[in-house]
N, C-alpha and C. Protein backbone atom coordinates (compact mmCIF):
# COMPACT_ATOMS: atom_id res chain seq x y z
N UNK A 1 -25.41 19.24 -13.01
CA UNK A 1 -25.47 17.80 -12.87
C UNK A 1 -24.28 17.28 -12.06
N UNK A 2 -23.07 17.76 -12.36
CA UNK A 2 -21.89 17.28 -11.67
C UNK A 2 -21.97 17.55 -10.17
N UNK A 3 -22.36 18.79 -9.80
CA UNK A 3 -22.45 19.14 -8.39
C UNK A 3 -23.50 18.29 -7.68
N UNK A 4 -24.62 18.02 -8.35
CA UNK A 4 -25.67 17.22 -7.75
C UNK A 4 -25.21 15.78 -7.51
N UNK A 5 -24.37 15.28 -8.39
CA UNK A 5 -23.91 13.90 -8.29
C UNK A 5 -22.67 13.74 -7.43
N UNK A 6 -22.05 14.86 -7.06
CA UNK A 6 -20.79 14.82 -6.33
C UNK A 6 -20.88 13.96 -5.07
N UNK A 7 -21.90 14.19 -4.26
CA UNK A 7 -22.03 13.42 -3.01
C UNK A 7 -22.18 11.93 -3.29
N UNK A 8 -22.94 11.61 -4.32
CA UNK A 8 -23.13 10.20 -4.67
C UNK A 8 -21.80 9.59 -5.12
N UNK A 9 -21.05 10.29 -5.95
CA UNK A 9 -19.77 9.77 -6.43
C UNK A 9 -18.76 9.64 -5.29
N UNK A 10 -18.73 10.63 -4.42
CA UNK A 10 -17.81 10.57 -3.28
C UNK A 10 -18.15 9.41 -2.37
N UNK A 11 -19.45 9.21 -2.13
CA UNK A 11 -19.89 8.10 -1.29
C UNK A 11 -19.48 6.77 -1.91
N UNK A 12 -19.73 6.59 -3.21
CA UNK A 12 -19.38 5.35 -3.89
C UNK A 12 -17.88 5.12 -3.85
N UNK A 13 -17.11 6.16 -4.09
CA UNK A 13 -15.65 6.04 -4.06
C UNK A 13 -15.18 5.62 -2.67
N UNK A 14 -15.68 6.29 -1.63
CA UNK A 14 -15.31 5.95 -0.26
C UNK A 14 -15.71 4.52 0.10
N UNK A 15 -16.93 4.14 -0.22
CA UNK A 15 -17.42 2.81 0.11
C UNK A 15 -16.66 1.72 -0.66
N UNK A 16 -16.33 2.00 -1.90
CA UNK A 16 -15.58 1.03 -2.70
C UNK A 16 -14.18 0.86 -2.13
N UNK A 17 -13.53 1.95 -1.77
CA UNK A 17 -12.19 1.86 -1.18
C UNK A 17 -12.23 1.04 0.11
N UNK A 18 -13.25 1.27 0.94
CA UNK A 18 -13.39 0.50 2.18
C UNK A 18 -13.61 -0.98 1.88
N UNK A 19 -14.45 -1.28 0.91
CA UNK A 19 -14.75 -2.67 0.58
C UNK A 19 -13.51 -3.38 0.04
N UNK A 20 -12.74 -2.70 -0.80
CA UNK A 20 -11.51 -3.28 -1.34
C UNK A 20 -10.56 -3.61 -0.19
N UNK A 21 -10.42 -2.67 0.72
CA UNK A 21 -9.51 -2.86 1.86
C UNK A 21 -10.00 -4.01 2.76
N UNK A 22 -11.30 -4.05 3.04
CA UNK A 22 -11.87 -5.11 3.86
C UNK A 22 -11.71 -6.48 3.18
N UNK A 23 -11.93 -6.51 1.87
CA UNK A 23 -11.78 -7.77 1.14
C UNK A 23 -10.33 -8.24 1.20
N UNK A 24 -9.40 -7.32 1.01
CA UNK A 24 -7.98 -7.68 1.05
C UNK A 24 -7.60 -8.21 2.43
N UNK A 25 -8.01 -7.51 3.49
CA UNK A 25 -7.66 -7.96 4.84
C UNK A 25 -8.31 -9.30 5.16
N UNK A 26 -9.54 -9.47 4.74
CA UNK A 26 -10.23 -10.74 4.94
C UNK A 26 -9.51 -11.87 4.19
N UNK A 27 -9.05 -11.58 2.98
CA UNK A 27 -8.31 -12.58 2.20
C UNK A 27 -6.99 -12.92 2.87
N UNK A 28 -6.31 -11.91 3.41
CA UNK A 28 -5.06 -12.16 4.14
C UNK A 28 -5.35 -13.12 5.30
N UNK A 29 -6.37 -12.80 6.08
CA UNK A 29 -6.71 -13.61 7.26
C UNK A 29 -7.11 -15.02 6.85
N UNK A 30 -7.93 -15.13 5.83
CA UNK A 30 -8.42 -16.44 5.36
C UNK A 30 -7.27 -17.34 4.93
N UNK A 31 -6.23 -16.75 4.36
CA UNK A 31 -5.08 -17.52 3.88
C UNK A 31 -3.96 -17.62 4.93
N UNK A 32 -4.24 -17.17 6.15
CA UNK A 32 -3.27 -17.29 7.23
C UNK A 32 -2.05 -16.39 7.08
N UNK A 33 -2.21 -15.30 6.37
CA UNK A 33 -1.10 -14.36 6.18
C UNK A 33 -0.99 -13.50 7.43
N UNK A 34 0.20 -13.47 8.01
CA UNK A 34 0.42 -12.79 9.30
C UNK A 34 0.72 -11.30 9.15
N UNK A 35 0.09 -10.67 8.18
CA UNK A 35 0.29 -9.25 7.91
C UNK A 35 -1.04 -8.54 7.77
N UNK A 36 -1.02 -7.25 8.04
CA UNK A 36 -2.16 -6.41 7.68
C UNK A 36 -1.91 -5.88 6.27
N UNK A 37 -2.93 -5.32 5.69
CA UNK A 37 -2.79 -4.71 4.36
C UNK A 37 -1.74 -3.60 4.40
N UNK A 38 -1.74 -2.81 5.47
CA UNK A 38 -0.75 -1.73 5.59
C UNK A 38 0.66 -2.28 5.71
N UNK A 39 0.84 -3.35 6.47
CA UNK A 39 2.16 -3.95 6.59
C UNK A 39 2.63 -4.49 5.24
N UNK A 40 1.72 -5.12 4.51
CA UNK A 40 2.05 -5.61 3.18
C UNK A 40 2.49 -4.46 2.28
N UNK A 41 1.76 -3.37 2.33
CA UNK A 41 2.09 -2.21 1.50
C UNK A 41 3.51 -1.71 1.77
N UNK A 42 3.88 -1.67 3.03
CA UNK A 42 5.23 -1.22 3.40
C UNK A 42 6.27 -2.22 2.91
N UNK A 43 6.03 -3.51 3.12
CA UNK A 43 6.98 -4.52 2.65
C UNK A 43 7.16 -4.45 1.13
N UNK A 44 6.04 -4.37 0.42
CA UNK A 44 6.09 -4.33 -1.04
C UNK A 44 6.82 -3.07 -1.51
N UNK A 45 6.59 -1.96 -0.85
CA UNK A 45 7.27 -0.71 -1.21
C UNK A 45 8.77 -0.84 -0.99
N UNK A 46 9.18 -1.40 0.14
CA UNK A 46 10.60 -1.58 0.40
C UNK A 46 11.24 -2.58 -0.57
N UNK A 47 10.47 -3.52 -1.02
CA UNK A 47 10.96 -4.49 -2.00
C UNK A 47 11.23 -3.79 -3.34
N UNK A 48 10.32 -2.89 -3.70
CA UNK A 48 10.44 -2.18 -4.98
C UNK A 48 11.36 -0.97 -4.91
N UNK A 49 11.42 -0.32 -3.76
CA UNK A 49 12.22 0.89 -3.58
C UNK A 49 13.06 0.72 -2.32
N UNK A 50 14.14 0.00 -2.45
CA UNK A 50 14.94 -0.41 -1.29
C UNK A 50 15.50 0.76 -0.51
N UNK A 51 15.76 0.47 0.76
CA UNK A 51 16.45 1.38 1.66
C UNK A 51 15.86 2.79 1.66
N UNK A 52 14.74 2.91 2.30
CA UNK A 52 14.06 4.20 2.45
C UNK A 52 14.15 4.66 3.90
N UNK A 53 14.15 5.97 4.08
CA UNK A 53 14.06 6.48 5.43
C UNK A 53 12.60 6.34 5.89
N UNK A 54 12.42 6.47 7.18
CA UNK A 54 11.08 6.42 7.76
C UNK A 54 10.17 7.45 7.09
N UNK A 55 10.67 8.66 6.97
CA UNK A 55 9.89 9.75 6.38
C UNK A 55 9.57 9.48 4.90
N UNK A 56 10.57 9.03 4.15
CA UNK A 56 10.35 8.73 2.73
C UNK A 56 9.31 7.63 2.56
N UNK A 57 9.41 6.61 3.38
CA UNK A 57 8.48 5.49 3.32
C UNK A 57 7.06 5.95 3.66
N UNK A 58 6.93 6.79 4.68
CA UNK A 58 5.61 7.31 5.05
C UNK A 58 5.00 8.09 3.89
N UNK A 59 5.80 8.89 3.22
CA UNK A 59 5.31 9.67 2.08
C UNK A 59 4.88 8.77 0.94
N UNK A 60 5.72 7.81 0.59
CA UNK A 60 5.41 6.91 -0.52
C UNK A 60 4.14 6.12 -0.24
N UNK A 61 3.99 5.66 1.00
CA UNK A 61 2.83 4.82 1.37
C UNK A 61 1.59 5.63 1.75
N UNK A 62 1.74 6.96 1.84
CA UNK A 62 0.60 7.80 2.18
C UNK A 62 0.16 7.66 3.63
N UNK A 63 1.11 7.43 4.52
CA UNK A 63 0.80 7.26 5.94
C UNK A 63 1.41 8.40 6.74
N UNK A 64 0.79 8.72 7.88
CA UNK A 64 1.39 9.73 8.76
C UNK A 64 2.51 9.06 9.56
N UNK A 65 3.33 9.88 10.20
CA UNK A 65 4.51 9.38 10.91
C UNK A 65 4.16 8.39 12.04
N UNK A 66 3.20 8.70 12.91
CA UNK A 66 2.89 7.75 13.99
C UNK A 66 2.39 6.39 13.47
N UNK A 67 1.56 6.42 12.44
CA UNK A 67 1.07 5.16 11.86
C UNK A 67 2.23 4.37 11.27
N UNK A 68 3.10 5.06 10.54
CA UNK A 68 4.25 4.37 9.94
C UNK A 68 5.16 3.78 11.02
N UNK A 69 5.34 4.50 12.12
CA UNK A 69 6.16 3.99 13.22
C UNK A 69 5.59 2.69 13.76
N UNK A 70 4.28 2.63 13.97
CA UNK A 70 3.64 1.41 14.47
C UNK A 70 3.83 0.25 13.49
N UNK A 71 3.64 0.53 12.21
CA UNK A 71 3.80 -0.52 11.19
C UNK A 71 5.23 -1.03 11.18
N UNK A 72 6.18 -0.12 11.18
CA UNK A 72 7.60 -0.50 11.15
C UNK A 72 7.97 -1.30 12.40
N UNK A 73 7.51 -0.87 13.56
CA UNK A 73 7.80 -1.60 14.79
C UNK A 73 7.32 -3.05 14.71
N UNK A 74 6.14 -3.25 14.15
CA UNK A 74 5.62 -4.61 14.00
C UNK A 74 6.45 -5.42 13.00
N UNK A 75 6.85 -4.79 11.91
CA UNK A 75 7.66 -5.49 10.91
C UNK A 75 9.06 -5.81 11.44
N UNK A 76 9.59 -4.93 12.30
CA UNK A 76 10.88 -5.21 12.95
C UNK A 76 10.75 -6.44 13.85
N UNK A 77 9.68 -6.50 14.65
CA UNK A 77 9.45 -7.62 15.55
C UNK A 77 9.29 -8.94 14.78
N UNK A 78 8.69 -8.86 13.62
CA UNK A 78 8.48 -10.07 12.80
C UNK A 78 9.75 -10.47 12.05
N UNK A 79 10.76 -9.60 12.07
CA UNK A 79 12.01 -9.93 11.42
C UNK A 79 12.03 -9.67 9.92
N UNK A 80 11.08 -8.88 9.43
CA UNK A 80 10.99 -8.62 8.00
C UNK A 80 11.79 -7.39 7.55
N UNK A 81 12.07 -6.48 8.49
CA UNK A 81 12.86 -5.30 8.17
C UNK A 81 13.89 -5.06 9.28
N UNK A 82 14.93 -4.32 8.92
CA UNK A 82 15.93 -3.88 9.89
C UNK A 82 16.24 -2.42 9.60
N UNK A 83 16.78 -1.76 10.61
CA UNK A 83 17.26 -0.40 10.43
C UNK A 83 18.76 -0.47 10.19
N UNK A 84 19.22 0.27 9.18
CA UNK A 84 20.66 0.32 8.87
C UNK A 84 21.10 1.77 8.77
N UNK A 85 22.39 1.98 8.99
CA UNK A 85 22.92 3.34 8.91
C UNK A 85 22.81 3.88 7.51
N UNK A 86 22.49 5.15 7.42
CA UNK A 86 22.47 5.84 6.14
C UNK A 86 23.92 6.05 5.72
N UNK A 87 24.26 5.79 4.45
CA UNK A 87 25.66 5.88 4.04
C UNK A 87 26.25 7.30 4.08
N UNK A 88 25.40 8.30 3.96
CA UNK A 88 25.94 9.67 3.91
C UNK A 88 25.41 10.59 5.02
N UNK A 89 24.48 10.10 5.84
CA UNK A 89 23.92 10.93 6.91
C UNK A 89 23.81 10.10 8.18
N UNK A 90 24.75 10.28 9.09
CA UNK A 90 24.78 9.48 10.30
C UNK A 90 23.60 9.74 11.22
N UNK A 91 22.90 10.84 11.03
CA UNK A 91 21.73 11.14 11.86
C UNK A 91 20.50 10.36 11.43
N UNK A 92 20.60 9.69 10.30
CA UNK A 92 19.44 9.08 9.66
C UNK A 92 19.62 7.57 9.55
N UNK A 93 18.54 6.84 9.70
CA UNK A 93 18.54 5.40 9.50
C UNK A 93 17.69 5.05 8.29
N UNK A 94 18.08 3.99 7.63
CA UNK A 94 17.31 3.48 6.49
C UNK A 94 16.60 2.20 6.91
N UNK A 95 15.47 1.95 6.31
CA UNK A 95 14.76 0.69 6.53
C UNK A 95 15.09 -0.23 5.37
N UNK A 96 15.44 -1.45 5.71
CA UNK A 96 15.92 -2.40 4.72
C UNK A 96 15.22 -3.74 4.96
N UNK A 97 14.77 -4.38 3.87
CA UNK A 97 14.16 -5.71 4.01
C UNK A 97 15.22 -6.73 4.37
N UNK A 98 14.89 -7.62 5.27
CA UNK A 98 15.75 -8.76 5.56
C UNK A 98 15.53 -9.81 4.48
N UNK A 99 16.36 -10.84 4.49
CA UNK A 99 16.17 -11.94 3.55
C UNK A 99 14.78 -12.56 3.76
N UNK A 100 14.37 -12.65 5.02
CA UNK A 100 13.04 -13.18 5.32
C UNK A 100 11.94 -12.26 4.78
N UNK A 101 12.15 -10.95 4.87
CA UNK A 101 11.19 -10.00 4.33
C UNK A 101 11.09 -10.09 2.82
N UNK A 102 12.22 -10.22 2.15
CA UNK A 102 12.22 -10.38 0.69
C UNK A 102 11.50 -11.65 0.28
N UNK A 103 11.79 -12.74 0.99
CA UNK A 103 11.14 -14.01 0.69
C UNK A 103 9.63 -13.92 0.90
N UNK A 104 9.23 -13.21 1.95
CA UNK A 104 7.80 -13.04 2.24
C UNK A 104 7.11 -12.33 1.08
N UNK A 105 7.71 -11.26 0.60
CA UNK A 105 7.12 -10.52 -0.51
C UNK A 105 7.05 -11.40 -1.76
N UNK A 106 8.12 -12.09 -2.05
CA UNK A 106 8.15 -12.94 -3.24
C UNK A 106 7.14 -14.08 -3.15
N UNK A 107 6.97 -14.64 -1.97
CA UNK A 107 5.99 -15.72 -1.78
C UNK A 107 4.56 -15.22 -1.89
N UNK A 108 4.31 -14.04 -1.32
CA UNK A 108 2.93 -13.55 -1.25
C UNK A 108 2.47 -12.76 -2.47
N UNK A 109 3.39 -12.21 -3.23
CA UNK A 109 3.01 -11.32 -4.34
C UNK A 109 2.00 -11.96 -5.30
N UNK A 110 2.19 -13.21 -5.74
CA UNK A 110 1.19 -13.80 -6.65
C UNK A 110 -0.19 -13.94 -6.00
N UNK A 111 -0.21 -14.30 -4.73
CA UNK A 111 -1.48 -14.46 -4.03
C UNK A 111 -2.18 -13.11 -3.86
N UNK A 112 -1.43 -12.10 -3.47
CA UNK A 112 -2.01 -10.75 -3.31
C UNK A 112 -2.50 -10.24 -4.67
N UNK A 113 -1.77 -10.52 -5.72
CA UNK A 113 -2.21 -10.13 -7.07
C UNK A 113 -3.57 -10.77 -7.38
N UNK A 114 -3.73 -12.04 -7.00
CA UNK A 114 -5.02 -12.72 -7.22
C UNK A 114 -6.14 -12.06 -6.42
N UNK A 115 -5.85 -11.66 -5.16
CA UNK A 115 -6.87 -10.96 -4.37
C UNK A 115 -7.31 -9.70 -5.09
N UNK A 116 -6.34 -8.96 -5.56
CA UNK A 116 -6.64 -7.68 -6.21
C UNK A 116 -7.40 -7.86 -7.52
N UNK A 117 -7.11 -8.93 -8.22
CA UNK A 117 -7.78 -9.17 -9.50
C UNK A 117 -9.28 -9.43 -9.32
N UNK A 118 -9.68 -9.88 -8.16
CA UNK A 118 -11.10 -10.12 -7.89
C UNK A 118 -11.91 -8.85 -8.14
N UNK A 119 -11.35 -7.71 -7.77
CA UNK A 119 -12.05 -6.43 -7.95
C UNK A 119 -12.22 -6.09 -9.43
N UNK A 120 -11.36 -6.61 -10.28
CA UNK A 120 -11.40 -6.25 -11.71
C UNK A 120 -12.16 -7.26 -12.56
N UNK A 121 -12.72 -8.31 -11.92
CA UNK A 121 -13.51 -9.27 -12.69
C UNK A 121 -14.64 -8.55 -13.41
N UNK A 122 -14.96 -9.02 -14.59
CA UNK A 122 -16.06 -8.50 -15.40
C UNK A 122 -15.81 -7.09 -15.93
N UNK A 123 -14.57 -6.63 -15.87
CA UNK A 123 -14.22 -5.33 -16.45
C UNK A 123 -13.26 -5.55 -17.61
N UNK A 124 -13.44 -4.77 -18.64
CA UNK A 124 -12.56 -4.89 -19.81
C UNK A 124 -11.31 -4.03 -19.61
N UNK A 125 -10.37 -4.20 -20.50
CA UNK A 125 -9.17 -3.35 -20.46
C UNK A 125 -9.56 -1.89 -20.66
N UNK A 126 -10.55 -1.65 -21.53
CA UNK A 126 -11.01 -0.26 -21.76
C UNK A 126 -11.61 0.31 -20.47
N UNK A 127 -12.39 -0.50 -19.75
CA UNK A 127 -12.94 -0.06 -18.46
C UNK A 127 -11.82 0.32 -17.50
N UNK A 128 -10.82 -0.56 -17.41
CA UNK A 128 -9.69 -0.33 -16.52
C UNK A 128 -8.95 0.94 -16.92
N UNK A 129 -8.69 1.12 -18.19
CA UNK A 129 -7.97 2.31 -18.66
C UNK A 129 -8.74 3.59 -18.36
N UNK A 130 -10.05 3.56 -18.59
CA UNK A 130 -10.89 4.73 -18.32
C UNK A 130 -10.91 5.05 -16.82
N UNK A 131 -11.09 4.03 -16.02
CA UNK A 131 -11.12 4.18 -14.56
C UNK A 131 -9.80 4.75 -14.05
N UNK A 132 -8.70 4.21 -14.55
CA UNK A 132 -7.37 4.68 -14.15
C UNK A 132 -7.19 6.14 -14.51
N UNK A 133 -7.60 6.53 -15.69
CA UNK A 133 -7.49 7.92 -16.12
C UNK A 133 -8.28 8.83 -15.20
N UNK A 134 -9.48 8.43 -14.84
CA UNK A 134 -10.34 9.24 -13.96
C UNK A 134 -9.70 9.36 -12.57
N UNK A 135 -9.25 8.25 -12.01
CA UNK A 135 -8.64 8.31 -10.68
C UNK A 135 -7.38 9.18 -10.67
N UNK A 136 -6.57 9.07 -11.72
CA UNK A 136 -5.37 9.92 -11.80
C UNK A 136 -5.74 11.39 -11.88
N UNK A 137 -6.81 11.70 -12.60
CA UNK A 137 -7.25 13.08 -12.70
C UNK A 137 -7.70 13.59 -11.34
N UNK A 138 -8.50 12.80 -10.63
CA UNK A 138 -8.95 13.19 -9.28
C UNK A 138 -7.74 13.38 -8.38
N UNK A 139 -6.82 12.44 -8.41
CA UNK A 139 -5.62 12.52 -7.58
C UNK A 139 -4.83 13.80 -7.89
N UNK A 140 -4.61 14.05 -9.16
CA UNK A 140 -3.85 15.25 -9.55
C UNK A 140 -4.58 16.55 -9.23
N UNK A 141 -5.90 16.54 -9.29
CA UNK A 141 -6.68 17.72 -8.90
C UNK A 141 -6.44 18.11 -7.44
N UNK A 142 -6.14 17.11 -6.61
CA UNK A 142 -5.98 17.34 -5.19
C UNK A 142 -4.53 17.41 -4.74
N UNK A 143 -3.63 17.42 -5.70
CA UNK A 143 -2.20 17.46 -5.38
C UNK A 143 -1.86 18.77 -4.67
N UNK A 144 -1.13 18.64 -3.59
CA UNK A 144 -0.70 19.84 -2.85
C UNK A 144 0.62 20.34 -3.46
N UNK A 145 0.73 21.64 -3.48
CA UNK A 145 1.93 22.22 -4.09
C UNK A 145 2.67 23.06 -3.11
């Protein structure tokens, strides 16, 4: 039964992830937010885990190096991040949120939370807990070692 349903589950998972992403980007655009979902993810990550290297940030956000470079370049142009010297490794630069970047995250976080909550409407806490457990299991099954 599991093998027979695998394609159906994979399709639903893929389609749901795409729909969530499309809904989020559409919500950003509708509210005049000058960021993509990926740019938001990087800003929020830097807000929560300050001063990351390019490589560390790419790993945390699940992006490849070229994609992360494009995102960072756009955030630099918008004035939301800056590159600063690493305190112990002169060969390395850290990415740091500017005051404007911090303010952007703080202003947008409640709105983005509301966008995300739309996906959880009509689900109970038990549904959410079960779903989270399943996704974590799938994620851990695919962990590279």
